[in-house]
Amino acid sequence: MSASGGSKAIVAALGANLAIAASKFVAFAFSGSSSMLAEGVHSLADSGNQFLLLIGGKRAQREATPQHPFGYGRERYIYAFLVSIVLFSVGGMFAIYEGYEKISHPHELDHWYWPVGVLVFAIIAEGFSFRTAIKESNELRGTLSWTAFIRRAKAPELPVVLLEDFGALIGLVLALFGVGMSLLTGDGVWDGVGTVCIGVLLVLIALVLAAETKSLLLGEAAGTEEVKKIEAAVVDGDTVTGIIHMRTLHLGPEELLIAAKIAVRHDDTAAEVAAAIDAAEARIRAAVPIARVIYLEPDIYSEAEAAKGPDPEATPGGPTPQSAGH
């Protein structure tokens, strides 16, 4: 699930949004529809978001440095988080404000055929972009539901594009509803209502994106299937008899750090243990190719120590010695 940045989906969404943004601003200029203005700003914000995703993907490819020894893979998460901020502020909050203004000071639409025509064109273009994102996502999600895919995907680009395109299609339907009701009733308030609904939708999508990318920024472990592969690869039943404990962490969508304390026999020589560790690392990389950084610490397994359970003070994020017991 972390093998692709969805570049085709990003480029398709970028092209569609630039064309749609231009057409919406033209429609707003002729009709005065606040829904068209909100949708135009939304498409412009989406275009900026696609640029951010492309920049993040490019910067993440830089080589590791002494100051950043684990590389720059998480840049993709940072730029995806920026996308959620842009979508919340420039897209959602602006639309809510513009809708409120239109409800407070309604006026009839001029040249109604402009917004209707642009909305139909935008639905077709967004549908093409959404179809491309779905096609790329289907190659990665396997049997997962769409909700599970968005929650578990380690590459942030495809979930971002999927949610943006889905939100754009729903927003276009809401805009078409607002414009249509304004034309049928002659009351411009409906245009403002549609605009507010678009803003609320964008805010909700932005919050979902922010929550998911925040989790990635904090650092997520490998997926369940990858963990099982790693565990099976570590133990050879000869020198390495078991895993005492293990931690995994995504340094980026396609870079995984693995740290484990492994059980070895008490009578093994240092040379045998070193050879076993080298062999275990090779098996791990063969089973999980994105395992880039591996630290294996040998130890003698003790049932008495294992029965005590994990030491919370030895766990990152656990209580400090000063706060333990309080």
Foldseek 3Di string as FASTA:
>chain_A
DLPDLLLVLLVLLLVLLVVLLVLLVVLCVQWVQLLSVLLSQLSVLSNVLSVLLVVLVVQQPDDADPVRNLGRQLSNLVSLLVSLVSLLPRRQVVLQVSLVVCLVPPAATGPLVSLVVSLVVSLVSLVVSLVSLVVVLCVPQPPDDPVVCCQPQQNNNSNSSNLSSVLSNVLSVLQNQLSVVCVVVVIRNSSSVSSNVSSVSSNVSSVVSNVRSVVSVVWDFDDPVLVVQLQVLLDPCAFFNHWLDKTKTDPHSLAIEIETETAGDPPDDPVVVVVSVVSSVVSSCVSRVNHDHYHYHYDHDDPVVVVVPDDQCPDVVGDPPVPPPD
